[in-house]
PDB file of N, CA and C in Angstrom:
ATOM      1  N   UNK A   1      -2.579   7.726 -29.169  1.00  0.00           N
ATOM      2  CA  UNK A   1      -3.025   6.418 -28.716  1.00  0.00           C
ATOM      3  C   UNK A   1      -3.760   6.591 -27.392  1.00  0.00           C
ATOM      4  N   UNK A   2      -4.945   6.034 -27.299  1.00  0.00           N
ATOM      5  CA  UNK A   2      -5.702   6.162 -26.056  1.00  0.00           C
ATOM      6  C   UNK A   2      -5.222   5.139 -25.032  1.00  0.00           C
ATOM      7  N   UNK A   3      -5.365   5.516 -23.780  1.00  0.00           N
ATOM      8  CA  UNK A   3      -4.936   4.638 -22.685  1.00  0.00           C
ATOM      9  C   UNK A   3      -6.140   3.922 -22.105  1.00  0.00           C
ATOM     10  N   UNK A   4      -5.914   2.718 -21.629  1.00  0.00           N
ATOM     11  CA  UNK A   4      -6.965   1.954 -20.991  1.00  0.00           C
ATOM     12  C   UNK A   4      -7.059   2.408 -19.536  1.00  0.00           C
ATOM     13  N   UNK A   5      -8.251   2.794 -19.122  1.00  0.00           N
ATOM     14  CA  UNK A   5      -8.472   3.191 -17.739  1.00  0.00           C
ATOM     15  C   UNK A   5      -9.062   1.992 -17.006  1.00  0.00           C
ATOM     16  N   UNK A   6      -8.324   1.437 -16.050  1.00  0.00           N
ATOM     17  CA  UNK A   6      -8.761   0.226 -15.350  1.00  0.00           C
ATOM     18  C   UNK A   6      -9.586   0.537 -14.103  1.00  0.00           C
ATOM     19  N   UNK A   7     -10.026   1.756 -13.974  1.00  0.00           N
ATOM     20  CA  UNK A   7     -10.814   2.170 -12.812  1.00  0.00           C
ATOM     21  C   UNK A   7     -12.053   1.289 -12.633  1.00  0.00           C
ATOM     22  N   UNK A   8     -12.691   0.913 -13.743  1.00  0.00           N
ATOM     23  CA  UNK A   8     -13.896   0.086 -13.647  1.00  0.00           C
ATOM     24  C   UNK A   8     -13.594  -1.295 -13.066  1.00  0.00           C
ATOM     25  N   UNK A   9     -12.445  -1.846 -13.375  1.00  0.00           N
ATOM     26  CA  UNK A   9     -12.067  -3.156 -12.830  1.00  0.00           C
ATOM     27  C   UNK A   9     -11.826  -3.049 -11.328  1.00  0.00           C
ATOM     28  N   UNK A  10     -11.121  -2.008 -10.917  1.00  0.00           N
ATOM     29  CA  UNK A  10     -10.812  -1.839  -9.495  1.00  0.00           C
ATOM     30  C   UNK A  10     -12.072  -1.598  -8.683  1.00  0.00           C
ATOM     31  N   UNK A  11     -13.066  -0.956  -9.280  1.00  0.00           N
ATOM     32  CA  UNK A  11     -14.317  -0.685  -8.570  1.00  0.00           C
ATOM     33  C   UNK A  11     -15.366  -1.771  -8.749  1.00  0.00           C
ATOM     34  N   UNK A  12     -15.118  -2.742  -9.610  1.00  0.00           N
ATOM     35  CA  UNK A  12     -16.099  -3.788  -9.890  1.00  0.00           C
ATOM     36  C   UNK A  12     -16.363  -4.656  -8.662  1.00  0.00           C
ATOM     37  N   UNK A  13     -17.622  -4.884  -8.312  1.00  0.00           N
ATOM     38  CA  UNK A  13     -17.942  -5.767  -7.182  1.00  0.00           C
ATOM     39  C   UNK A  13     -17.435  -7.196  -7.378  1.00  0.00           C
ATOM     40  N   UNK A  14     -17.174  -7.577  -8.625  1.00  0.00           N
ATOM     41  CA  UNK A  14     -16.657  -8.923  -8.912  1.00  0.00           C
ATOM     42  C   UNK A  14     -15.216  -9.095  -8.448  1.00  0.00           C
ATOM     43  N   UNK A  15     -14.454  -7.996  -8.411  1.00  0.00           N
ATOM     44  CA  UNK A  15     -13.025  -8.087  -8.122  1.00  0.00           C
ATOM     45  C   UNK A  15     -12.582  -7.377  -6.856  1.00  0.00           C
ATOM     46  N   UNK A  16     -13.258  -6.339  -6.471  1.00  0.00           N
ATOM     47  CA  UNK A  16     -12.773  -5.511  -5.365  1.00  0.00           C
ATOM     48  C   UNK A  16     -13.022  -6.152  -4.008  1.00  0.00           C
ATOM     49  N   UNK A  17     -12.152  -5.790  -3.089  1.00  0.00           N
ATOM     50  CA  UNK A  17     -12.269  -6.179  -1.692  1.00  0.00           C
ATOM     51  C   UNK A  17     -12.008  -4.931  -0.852  1.00  0.00           C
ATOM     52  N   UNK A  18     -12.529  -4.936   0.351  1.00  0.00           N
ATOM     53  CA  UNK A  18     -12.309  -3.802   1.249  1.00  0.00           C
ATOM     54  C   UNK A  18     -11.165  -4.149   2.188  1.00  0.00           C
ATOM     55  N   UNK A  19     -10.256  -3.192   2.376  1.00  0.00           N
ATOM     56  CA  UNK A  19      -9.175  -3.357   3.345  1.00  0.00           C
ATOM     57  C   UNK A  19      -8.994  -2.050   4.097  1.00  0.00           C
ATOM     58  N   UNK A  20      -8.399  -2.171   5.275  1.00  0.00           N
ATOM     59  CA  UNK A  20      -8.220  -1.008   6.148  1.00  0.00           C
ATOM     60  C   UNK A  20      -6.780  -0.524   6.075  1.00  0.00           C
ATOM     61  N   UNK A  21      -6.623   0.776   5.939  1.00  0.00           N
ATOM     62  CA  UNK A  21      -5.298   1.406   5.891  1.00  0.00           C
ATOM     63  C   UNK A  21      -5.089   2.182   7.184  1.00  0.00           C
ATOM     64  N   UNK A  22      -3.942   1.980   7.807  1.00  0.00           N
ATOM     65  CA  UNK A  22      -3.540   2.791   8.952  1.00  0.00           C
ATOM     66  C   UNK A  22      -2.410   3.696   8.482  1.00  0.00           C
ATOM     67  N   UNK A  23      -2.643   5.002   8.567  1.00  0.00           N
ATOM     68  CA  UNK A  23      -1.648   5.990   8.128  1.00  0.00           C
ATOM     69  C   UNK A  23      -1.165   6.771   9.345  1.00  0.00           C
ATOM     70  N   UNK A  24       0.143   6.811   9.517  1.00  0.00           N
ATOM     71  CA  UNK A  24       0.736   7.527  10.638  1.00  0.00           C
ATOM     72  C   UNK A  24       1.659   8.608  10.115  1.00  0.00           C
ATOM     73  N   UNK A  25       1.337   9.824  10.445  1.00  0.00           N
ATOM     74  CA  UNK A  25       2.191  10.956  10.089  1.00  0.00           C
ATOM     75  C   UNK A  25       2.896  11.418  11.358  1.00  0.00           C
ATOM     76  N   UNK A  26       3.741  12.388  11.212  1.00  0.00           N
ATOM     77  CA  UNK A  26       4.463  12.909  12.364  1.00  0.00           C
ATOM     78  C   UNK A  26       4.977  14.300  12.097  1.00  0.00           C
ATOM     79  N   UNK A  27       5.704  14.803  13.060  1.00  0.00           N
ATOM     80  CA  UNK A  27       6.286  16.137  12.940  1.00  0.00           C
ATOM     81  C   UNK A  27       7.574  16.180  13.754  1.00  0.00           C
ATOM     82  N   UNK A  28       8.391  17.160  13.436  1.00  0.00           N
ATOM     83  CA  UNK A  28       9.641  17.333  14.167  1.00  0.00           C
ATOM     84  C   UNK A  28       9.441  18.341  15.281  1.00  0.00           C
ATOM     85  N   UNK A  29       9.933  17.964  16.438  1.00  0.00           N
ATOM     86  CA  UNK A  29       9.862  18.839  17.597  1.00  0.00           C
ATOM     87  C   UNK A  29      11.221  18.825  18.283  1.00  0.00           C
ATOM     88  N   UNK A  30      11.893  19.964  18.289  1.00  0.00           N
ATOM     89  CA  UNK A  30      13.220  20.094  18.889  1.00  0.00           C
ATOM     90  C   UNK A  30      14.195  19.064  18.308  1.00  0.00           C
ATOM     91  N   UNK A  31      14.087  18.848  16.986  1.00  0.00           N
ATOM     92  CA  UNK A  31      14.999  17.939  16.311  1.00  0.00           C
ATOM     93  C   UNK A  31      14.637  16.468  16.412  1.00  0.00           C
ATOM     94  N   UNK A  32      13.537  16.140  17.079  1.00  0.00           N
ATOM     95  CA  UNK A  32      13.127  14.749  17.235  1.00  0.00           C
ATOM     96  C   UNK A  32      11.813  14.515  16.488  1.00  0.00           C
ATOM     97  N   UNK A  33      11.712  13.388  15.774  1.00  0.00           N
ATOM     98  CA  UNK A  33      10.502  13.067  15.025  1.00  0.00           C
ATOM     99  C   UNK A  33       9.473  12.459  15.971  1.00  0.00           C
ATOM    100  N   UNK A  34       8.316  13.092  16.065  1.00  0.00           N
ATOM    101  CA  UNK A  34       7.232  12.658  16.951  1.00  0.00           C
ATOM    102  C   UNK A  34       6.089  12.144  16.090  1.00  0.00           C
ATOM    103  N   UNK A  35       5.621  10.908  16.364  1.00  0.00           N
ATOM    104  CA  UNK A  35       4.508  10.341  15.615  1.00  0.00           C
ATOM    105  C   UNK A  35       3.190  10.924  16.113  1.00  0.00           C
ATOM    106  N   UNK A  36       2.326  11.289  15.164  1.00  0.00           N
ATOM    107  CA  UNK A  36       0.979  11.731  15.488  1.00  0.00           C
ATOM    108  C   UNK A  36       0.088  10.504  15.680  1.00  0.00           C
ATOM    109  N   UNK A  37      -1.131  10.745  16.112  1.00  0.00           N
ATOM    110  CA  UNK A  37      -2.103   9.661  16.278  1.00  0.00           C
ATOM    111  C   UNK A  37      -2.411   9.054  14.901  1.00  0.00           C
ATOM    112  N   UNK A  38      -2.351   7.717  14.769  1.00  0.00           N
ATOM    113  CA  UNK A  38      -2.647   7.074  13.480  1.00  0.00           C
ATOM    114  C   UNK A  38      -4.103   7.315  13.054  1.00  0.00           C
ATOM    115  N   UNK A  39      -4.298   7.371  11.753  1.00  0.00           N
ATOM    116  CA  UNK A  39      -5.630   7.511  11.166  1.00  0.00           C
ATOM    117  C   UNK A  39      -5.943   6.219  10.425  1.00  0.00           C
ATOM    118  N   UNK A  40      -7.150   5.664  10.639  1.00  0.00           N
ATOM    119  CA  UNK A  40      -7.575   4.454   9.934  1.00  0.00           C
ATOM    120  C   UNK A  40      -8.706   4.799   8.981  1.00  0.00           C
ATOM    121  N   UNK A  41      -8.647   4.203   7.783  1.00  0.00           N
ATOM    122  CA  UNK A  41      -9.732   4.376   6.824  1.00  0.00           C
ATOM    123  C   UNK A  41      -9.784   3.153   5.905  1.00  0.00           C
ATOM    124  N   UNK A  42     -10.970   2.906   5.355  1.00  0.00           N
ATOM    125  CA  UNK A  42     -11.171   1.762   4.471  1.00  0.00           C
ATOM    126  C   UNK A  42     -11.030   2.179   3.018  1.00  0.00           C
ATOM    127  N   UNK A  43     -10.494   1.259   2.222  1.00  0.00           N
ATOM    128  CA  UNK A  43     -10.330   1.443   0.777  1.00  0.00           C
ATOM    129  C   UNK A  43     -10.866   0.189   0.101  1.00  0.00           C
ATOM    130  N   UNK A  44     -11.453   0.363  -1.066  1.00  0.00           N
ATOM    131  CA  UNK A  44     -11.839  -0.766  -1.908  1.00  0.00           C
ATOM    132  C   UNK A  44     -10.845  -0.866  -3.046  1.00  0.00           C
ATOM    133  N   UNK A  45     -10.467  -2.077  -3.373  1.00  0.00           N
ATOM    134  CA  UNK A  45      -9.547  -2.275  -4.481  1.00  0.00           C
ATOM    135  C   UNK A  45      -9.329  -3.745  -4.750  1.00  0.00           C
ATOM    136  N   UNK A  46      -8.515  -4.014  -5.727  1.00  0.00           N
ATOM    137  CA  UNK A  46      -8.183  -5.383  -6.111  1.00  0.00           C
ATOM    138  C   UNK A  46      -6.921  -5.797  -5.372  1.00  0.00           C
ATOM    139  N   UNK A  47      -6.902  -7.032  -4.884  1.00  0.00           N
ATOM    140  CA  UNK A  47      -5.758  -7.556  -4.143  1.00  0.00           C
ATOM    141  C   UNK A  47      -5.303  -8.848  -4.817  1.00  0.00           C
ATOM    142  N   UNK A  48      -4.000  -8.951  -5.070  1.00  0.00           N
ATOM    143  CA  UNK A  48      -3.451 -10.164  -5.670  1.00  0.00           C
ATOM    144  C   UNK A  48      -2.165 -10.561  -4.947  1.00  0.00           C
ATOM    145  N   UNK A  49      -1.760 -11.792  -5.166  1.00  0.00           N
ATOM    146  CA  UNK A  49      -0.467 -12.257  -4.661  1.00  0.00           C
ATOM    147  C   UNK A  49       0.610 -11.633  -5.541  1.00  0.00           C
ATOM    148  N   UNK A  50       1.680 -11.194  -4.935  1.00  0.00           N
ATOM    149  CA  UNK A  50       2.776 -10.582  -5.688  1.00  0.00           C
ATOM    150  C   UNK A  50       3.471 -11.623  -6.562  1.00  0.00           C
ATOM    151  N   UNK A  51       3.792 -11.233  -7.769  1.00  0.00           N
ATOM    152  CA  UNK A  51       4.530 -12.105  -8.677  1.00  0.00           C
ATOM    153  C   UNK A  51       6.017 -12.065  -8.319  1.00  0.00           C
ATOM    154  N   UNK A  52       6.786 -12.971  -8.888  1.00  0.00           N
ATOM    155  CA  UNK A  52       8.230 -12.994  -8.631  1.00  0.00           C
ATOM    156  C   UNK A  52       8.872 -11.676  -9.058  1.00  0.00           C
ATOM    157  N   UNK A  53       8.427 -11.113 -10.162  1.00  0.00           N
ATOM    158  CA  UNK A  53       8.974  -9.834 -10.638  1.00  0.00           C
ATOM    159  C   UNK A  53       8.680  -8.718  -9.634  1.00  0.00           C
ATOM    160  N   UNK A  54       7.467  -8.694  -9.091  1.00  0.00           N
ATOM    161  CA  UNK A  54       7.102  -7.667  -8.113  1.00  0.00           C
ATOM    162  C   UNK A  54       7.862  -7.847  -6.802  1.00  0.00           C
ATOM    163  N   UNK A  55       8.050  -9.093  -6.393  1.00  0.00           N
ATOM    164  CA  UNK A  55       8.797  -9.369  -5.159  1.00  0.00           C
ATOM    165  C   UNK A  55      10.240  -8.899  -5.302  1.00  0.00           C
ATOM    166  N   UNK A  56      10.798  -9.010  -6.492  1.00  0.00           N
ATOM    167  CA  UNK A  56      12.174  -8.566  -6.717  1.00  0.00           C
ATOM    168  C   UNK A  56      12.337  -7.059  -6.586  1.00  0.00           C
ATOM    169  N   UNK A  57      11.241  -6.309  -6.573  1.00  0.00           N
ATOM    170  CA  UNK A  57      11.301  -4.853  -6.431  1.00  0.00           C
ATOM    171  C   UNK A  57      11.482  -4.403  -4.984  1.00  0.00           C
ATOM    172  N   UNK A  58      11.311  -5.320  -4.041  1.00  0.00           N
ATOM    173  CA  UNK A  58      11.428  -4.936  -2.632  1.00  0.00           C
ATOM    174  C   UNK A  58      12.726  -5.492  -2.049  1.00  0.00           C
ATOM    175  N   UNK A  59      13.251  -4.887  -0.987  1.00  0.00           N
ATOM    176  CA  UNK A  59      14.519  -5.348  -0.404  1.00  0.00           C
ATOM    177  C   UNK A  59      14.460  -6.815   0.024  1.00  0.00           C
ATOM    178  N   UNK A  60      15.590  -7.512  -0.110  1.00  0.00           N
ATOM    179  CA  UNK A  60      15.651  -8.943   0.170  1.00  0.00           C
ATOM    180  C   UNK A  60      15.182  -9.317   1.567  1.00  0.00           C
ATOM    181  N   UNK A  61      15.546  -8.553   2.567  1.00  0.00           N
ATOM    182  CA  UNK A  61      15.179  -8.885   3.945  1.00  0.00           C
ATOM    183  C   UNK A  61      13.694  -8.853   4.201  1.00  0.00           C
ATOM    184  N   UNK A  62      12.933  -8.179   3.344  1.00  0.00           N
ATOM    185  CA  UNK A  62      11.488  -8.084   3.523  1.00  0.00           C
ATOM    186  C   UNK A  62      10.712  -9.095   2.697  1.00  0.00           C
ATOM    187  N   UNK A  63      11.393  -9.923   1.949  1.00  0.00           N
ATOM    188  CA  UNK A  63      10.717 -10.875   1.059  1.00  0.00           C
ATOM    189  C   UNK A  63      10.261 -12.143   1.762  1.00  0.00           C
ATOM    190  N   UNK A  64      10.750 -12.393   2.936  1.00  0.00           N
ATOM    191  CA  UNK A  64      10.524 -13.661   3.620  1.00  0.00           C
ATOM    192  C   UNK A  64       9.065 -13.879   4.005  1.00  0.00           C
ATOM    193  N   UNK A  65       8.384 -12.842   4.442  1.00  0.00           N
ATOM    194  CA  UNK A  65       7.065 -12.981   5.048  1.00  0.00           C
ATOM    195  C   UNK A  65       5.903 -13.056   4.073  1.00  0.00           C
ATOM    196  N   UNK A  66       6.124 -12.968   2.809  1.00  0.00           N
ATOM    197  CA  UNK A  66       5.046 -13.006   1.841  1.00  0.00           C
ATOM    198  C   UNK A  66       4.653 -11.610   1.410  1.00  0.00           C
ATOM    199  N   UNK A  67       4.340 -11.478   0.141  1.00  0.00           N
ATOM    200  CA  UNK A  67       4.011 -10.161  -0.400  1.00  0.00           C
ATOM    201  C   UNK A  67       2.682 -10.218  -1.139  1.00  0.00           C
ATOM    202  N   UNK A  68       1.949  -9.122  -1.052  1.00  0.00           N
ATOM    203  CA  UNK A  68       0.680  -8.958  -1.746  1.00  0.00           C
ATOM    204  C   UNK A  68       0.743  -7.648  -2.516  1.00  0.00           C
ATOM    205  N   UNK A  69      -0.104  -7.537  -3.525  1.00  0.00           N
ATOM    206  CA  UNK A  69      -0.205  -6.303  -4.298  1.00  0.00           C
ATOM    207  C   UNK A  69      -1.616  -5.757  -4.124  1.00  0.00           C
ATOM    208  N   UNK A  70      -1.698  -4.488  -3.768  1.00  0.00           N
ATOM    209  CA  UNK A  70      -2.962  -3.810  -3.530  1.00  0.00           C
ATOM    210  C   UNK A  70      -3.128  -2.731  -4.592  1.00  0.00           C
ATOM    211  N   UNK A  71      -4.198  -2.847  -5.371  1.00  0.00           N
ATOM    212  CA  UNK A  71      -4.511  -1.867  -6.405  1.00  0.00           C
ATOM    213  C   UNK A  71      -5.621  -0.966  -5.875  1.00  0.00           C
ATOM    214  N   UNK A  72      -5.442   0.339  -6.007  1.00  0.00           N
ATOM    215  CA  UNK A  72      -6.451   1.259  -5.492  1.00  0.00           C
ATOM    216  C   UNK A  72      -6.507   2.515  -6.344  1.00  0.00           C
ATOM    217  N   UNK A  73      -7.550   3.294  -6.112  1.00  0.00           N
ATOM    218  CA  UNK A  73      -7.683   4.589  -6.772  1.00  0.00           C
ATOM    219  C   UNK A  73      -7.100   5.694  -5.909  1.00  0.00           C
ATOM    220  N   UNK A  74      -6.697   5.330  -4.687  1.00  0.00           N
ATOM    221  CA  UNK A  74      -6.155   6.266  -3.703  1.00  0.00           C
ATOM    222  C   UNK A  74      -4.665   5.986  -3.534  1.00  0.00           C
ATOM    223  N   UNK A  75      -3.819   7.011  -3.532  1.00  0.00           N
ATOM    224  CA  UNK A  75      -2.390   6.751  -3.324  1.00  0.00           C
ATOM    225  C   UNK A  75      -2.110   6.234  -1.914  1.00  0.00           C
ATOM    226  N   UNK A  76      -1.264   5.231  -1.835  1.00  0.00           N
ATOM    227  CA  UNK A  76      -0.794   4.722  -0.545  1.00  0.00           C
ATOM    228  C   UNK A  76       0.626   5.224  -0.339  1.00  0.00           C
ATOM    229  N   UNK A  77       1.081   5.257   0.908  1.00  0.00           N
ATOM    230  CA  UNK A  77       2.360   5.895   1.222  1.00  0.00           C
ATOM    231  C   UNK A  77       3.407   4.900   1.690  1.00  0.00           C
ATOM    232  N   UNK A  78       4.652   5.178   1.286  1.00  0.00           N
ATOM    233  CA  UNK A  78       5.810   4.510   1.866  1.00  0.00           C
ATOM    234  C   UNK A  78       6.567   5.563   2.664  1.00  0.00           C
ATOM    235  N   UNK A  79       7.465   5.118   3.504  1.00  0.00           N
ATOM    236  CA  UNK A  79       8.262   6.068   4.283  1.00  0.00           C
ATOM    237  C   UNK A  79       9.074   6.965   3.367  1.00  0.00           C
ATOM    238  N   UNK A  80       9.600   6.417   2.296  1.00  0.00           N
ATOM    239  CA  UNK A  80      10.487   7.192   1.433  1.00  0.00           C
ATOM    240  C   UNK A  80       9.770   8.233   0.589  1.00  0.00           C
ATOM    241  N   UNK A  81       8.464   8.048   0.283  1.00  0.00           N
ATOM    242  CA  UNK A  81       7.804   9.049  -0.559  1.00  0.00           C
ATOM    243  C   UNK A  81       7.108  10.136   0.258  1.00  0.00           C
ATOM    244  N   UNK A  82       7.210  10.064   1.578  1.00  0.00           N
ATOM    245  CA  UNK A  82       6.641  11.106   2.434  1.00  0.00           C
ATOM    246  C   UNK A  82       7.530  11.251   3.664  1.00  0.00           C
ATOM    247  N   UNK A  83       8.377  12.263   3.705  1.00  0.00           N
ATOM    248  CA  UNK A  83       9.330  12.379   4.816  1.00  0.00           C
ATOM    249  C   UNK A  83       8.686  12.660   6.181  1.00  0.00           C
ATOM    250  N   UNK A  84       7.419  13.067   6.193  1.00  0.00           N
ATOM    251  CA  UNK A  84       6.740  13.330   7.464  1.00  0.00           C
ATOM    252  C   UNK A  84       5.750  12.234   7.833  1.00  0.00           C
ATOM    253  N   UNK A  85       5.983  11.037   7.344  1.00  0.00           N
ATOM    254  CA  UNK A  85       5.096   9.912   7.649  1.00  0.00           C
ATOM    255  C   UNK A  85       5.883   8.611   7.558  1.00  0.00           C
ATOM    256  N   UNK A  86       5.298   7.553   8.099  1.00  0.00           N
ATOM    257  CA  UNK A  86       5.874   6.223   7.943  1.00  0.00           C
ATOM    258  C   UNK A  86       4.981   5.432   6.995  1.00  0.00           C
ATOM    259  N   UNK A  87       5.456   4.306   6.518  1.00  0.00           N
ATOM    260  CA  UNK A  87       4.701   3.522   5.543  1.00  0.00           C
ATOM    261  C   UNK A  87       3.326   3.158   6.065  1.00  0.00           C
ATOM    262  N   UNK A  88       2.349   3.206   5.148  1.00  0.00           N
ATOM    263  CA  UNK A  88       1.001   2.779   5.502  1.00  0.00           C
ATOM    264  C   UNK A  88       1.010   1.299   5.858  1.00  0.00           C
ATOM    265  N   UNK A  89       0.119   0.928   6.759  1.00  0.00           N
ATOM    266  CA  UNK A  89      -0.099  -0.469   7.139  1.00  0.00           C
ATOM    267  C   UNK A  89      -1.491  -0.856   6.673  1.00  0.00           C
ATOM    268  N   UNK A  90      -1.595  -1.984   5.985  1.00  0.00           N
ATOM    269  CA  UNK A  90      -2.885  -2.473   5.501  1.00  0.00           C
ATOM    270  C   UNK A  90      -3.294  -3.682   6.334  1.00  0.00           C
ATOM    271  N   UNK A  91      -4.539  -3.677   6.775  1.00  0.00           N
ATOM    272  CA  UNK A  91      -5.120  -4.833   7.462  1.00  0.00           C
ATOM    273  C   UNK A  91      -6.096  -5.503   6.505  1.00  0.00           C
ATOM    274  N   UNK A  92      -5.840  -6.800   6.245  1.00  0.00           N
ATOM    275  CA  UNK A  92      -6.684  -7.556   5.318  1.00  0.00           C
ATOM    276  C   UNK A  92      -6.634  -9.027   5.715  1.00  0.00           C
ATOM    277  N   UNK A  93      -7.779  -9.632   5.882  1.00  0.00           N
ATOM    278  CA  UNK A  93      -7.923 -11.049   6.248  1.00  0.00           C
ATOM    279  C   UNK A  93      -7.082 -11.414   7.473  1.00  0.00           C
ATOM    280  N   UNK A  94      -7.207 -10.616   8.516  1.00  0.00           N
ATOM    281  CA  UNK A  94      -6.522 -10.841   9.799  1.00  0.00           C
ATOM    282  C   UNK A  94      -5.000 -10.814   9.704  1.00  0.00           C
ATOM    283  N   UNK A  95      -4.471 -10.184   8.682  1.00  0.00           N
ATOM    284  CA  UNK A  95      -3.034  -9.993   8.539  1.00  0.00           C
ATOM    285  C   UNK A  95      -2.750  -8.516   8.377  1.00  0.00           C
ATOM    286  N   UNK A  96      -1.530  -8.119   8.738  1.00  0.00           N
ATOM    287  CA  UNK A  96      -1.090  -6.744   8.530  1.00  0.00           C
ATOM    288  C   UNK A  96       0.050  -6.748   7.528  1.00  0.00           C
ATOM    289  N   UNK A  97       0.002  -5.785   6.613  1.00  0.00           N
ATOM    290  CA  UNK A  97       0.998  -5.666   5.561  1.00  0.00           C
ATOM    291  C   UNK A  97       1.559  -4.251   5.560  1.00  0.00           C
ATOM    292  N   UNK A  98       2.861  -4.136   5.394  1.00  0.00           N
ATOM    293  CA  UNK A  98       3.525  -2.834   5.333  1.00  0.00           C
ATOM    294  C   UNK A  98       3.811  -2.492   3.872  1.00  0.00           C
ATOM    295  N   UNK A  99       3.421  -1.293   3.459  1.00  0.00           N
ATOM    296  CA  UNK A  99       3.663  -0.849   2.086  1.00  0.00           C
ATOM    297  C   UNK A  99       5.161  -0.628   1.893  1.00  0.00           C
ATOM    298  N   UNK A 100       5.706  -1.294   0.880  1.00  0.00           N
ATOM    299  CA  UNK A 100       7.130  -1.180   0.593  1.00  0.00           C
ATOM    300  C   UNK A 100       7.412  -0.353  -0.653  1.00  0.00           C
ATOM    301  N   UNK A 101       6.491  -0.415  -1.619  1.00  0.00           N
ATOM    302  CA  UNK A 101       6.692   0.324  -2.871  1.00  0.00           C
ATOM    303  C   UNK A 101       5.332   0.678  -3.456  1.00  0.00           C
ATOM    304  N   UNK A 102       5.248   1.883  -4.005  1.00  0.00           N
ATOM    305  CA  UNK A 102       4.026   2.333  -4.679  1.00  0.00           C
ATOM    306  C   UNK A 102       4.378   2.730  -6.102  1.00  0.00           C
ATOM    307  N   UNK A 103       3.630   2.177  -7.040  1.00  0.00           N
ATOM    308  CA  UNK A 103       3.800   2.518  -8.451  1.00  0.00           C
ATOM    309  C   UNK A 103       2.573   3.321  -8.885  1.00  0.00           C
ATOM    310  N   UNK A 104       2.760   4.595  -9.189  1.00  0.00           N
ATOM    311  CA  UNK A 104       1.614   5.448  -9.531  1.00  0.00           C
ATOM    312  C   UNK A 104       1.233   5.330 -11.011  1.00  0.00           C
ATOM    313  N   UNK A 105       0.373   4.400 -11.320  1.00  0.00           N
ATOM    314  CA  UNK A 105      -0.098   4.212 -12.687  1.00  0.00           C
ATOM    315  C   UNK A 105      -1.291   5.149 -12.947  1.00  0.00           C
ATOM    316  N   UNK A 106      -1.115   6.422 -12.608  1.00  0.00           N
ATOM    317  CA  UNK A 106      -2.230   7.362 -12.661  1.00  0.00           C
ATOM    318  C   UNK A 106      -2.702   7.642 -14.093  1.00  0.00           C
ATOM    319  N   UNK A 107      -1.841   7.447 -15.082  1.00  0.00           N
ATOM    320  CA  UNK A 107      -2.292   7.594 -16.472  1.00  0.00           C
ATOM    321  C   UNK A 107      -3.330   6.538 -16.834  1.00  0.00           C
ATOM    322  N   UNK A 108      -3.326   5.443 -16.091  1.00  0.00           N
ATOM    323  CA  UNK A 108      -4.276   4.359 -16.316  1.00  0.00           C
ATOM    324  C   UNK A 108      -5.347   4.311 -15.228  1.00  0.00           C
ATOM    325  N   UNK A 109      -5.325   5.274 -14.317  1.00  0.00           N
ATOM    326  CA  UNK A 109      -6.392   5.433 -13.341  1.00  0.00           C
ATOM    327  C   UNK A 109      -6.220   4.712 -12.021  1.00  0.00           C
ATOM    328  N   UNK A 110      -5.012   4.238 -11.687  1.00  0.00           N
ATOM    329  CA  UNK A 110      -4.859   3.506 -10.431  1.00  0.00           C
ATOM    330  C   UNK A 110      -3.442   3.607  -9.861  1.00  0.00           C
ATOM    331  N   UNK A 111      -3.316   3.130  -8.632  1.00  0.00           N
ATOM    332  CA  UNK A 111      -2.031   3.000  -7.943  1.00  0.00           C
ATOM    333  C   UNK A 111      -1.829   1.528  -7.608  1.00  0.00           C
ATOM    334  N   UNK A 112      -0.598   1.076  -7.704  1.00  0.00           N
ATOM    335  CA  UNK A 112      -0.231  -0.296  -7.351  1.00  0.00           C
ATOM    336  C   UNK A 112       0.729  -0.223  -6.163  1.00  0.00           C
ATOM    337  N   UNK A 113       0.368  -0.882  -5.076  1.00  0.00           N
ATOM    338  CA  UNK A 113       1.228  -0.885  -3.890  1.00  0.00           C
ATOM    339  C   UNK A 113       1.650  -2.311  -3.580  1.00  0.00           C
ATOM    340  N   UNK A 114       2.948  -2.518  -3.448  1.00  0.00           N
ATOM    341  CA  UNK A 114       3.488  -3.823  -3.064  1.00  0.00           C
ATOM    342  C   UNK A 114       3.737  -3.775  -1.563  1.00  0.00           C
ATOM    343  N   UNK A 115       3.188  -4.755  -0.869  1.00  0.00           N
ATOM    344  CA  UNK A 115       3.280  -4.771   0.590  1.00  0.00           C
ATOM    345  C   UNK A 115       3.716  -6.144   1.072  1.00  0.00           C
ATOM    346  N   UNK A 116       4.436  -6.162   2.201  1.00  0.00           N
ATOM    347  CA  UNK A 116       4.872  -7.430   2.793  1.00  0.00           C
ATOM    348  C   UNK A 116       4.158  -7.644   4.115  1.00  0.00           C
ATOM    349  N   UNK A 117       3.864  -8.920   4.382  1.00  0.00           N
ATOM    350  CA  UNK A 117       3.199  -9.254   5.633  1.00  0.00           C
ATOM    351  C   UNK A 117       4.135  -8.986   6.793  1.00  0.00           C
ATOM    352  N   UNK A 118       3.608  -8.386   7.810  1.00  0.00           N
ATOM    353  CA  UNK A 118       4.416  -8.058   8.990  1.00  0.00           C
ATOM    354  C   UNK A 118       4.545  -9.293   9.867  1.00  0.00           C
ATOM    355  N   UNK A 119       5.707  -9.484  10.413  1.00  0.00           N
ATOM    356  CA  UNK A 119       5.976 -10.637  11.262  1.00  0.00           C
ATOM    357  C   UNK A 119       5.052 -10.636  12.476  1.00  0.00           C
ATOM    358  N   UNK A 120       4.536 -11.817  12.800  1.00  0.00           N
ATOM    359  CA  UNK A 120       3.653 -11.944  13.955  1.00  0.00           C
ATOM    360  C   UNK A 120       2.191 -11.798  13.606  1.00  0.00           C
ATOM    361  N   UNK A 121       1.882 -11.521  12.338  1.00  0.00           N
ATOM    362  CA  UNK A 121       0.468 -11.359  11.932  1.00  0.00           C
ATOM    363  C   UNK A 121       0.115 -12.357  10.876  1.00  0.00           C
TER     364      UNK A 121
END
């Protein structure tokens, strides 16, 4: 059975939007985790409001501020999937969102990241 590759939808000018990702990695020095200088880069992808099912995938305390789903061709990071980094932060429409969960739908050509709006933004 062939799989549907949604890469064309994510790259379509009709649906895609540009957002900025801030990625912060770090390293251990004398037993202490030191953050490196953050790196910012732009990604194009589809952005939607998180559904109730998607919101249920993130911890309860993080559900209050609103959740969005970011679809991209580039993997986004959470703290748990990269021990030498913290979760990516997305800037979109004057708001900042913290990546809480990434679903790697790579068989279908994309990544789905569920993010919550950060307080104060």
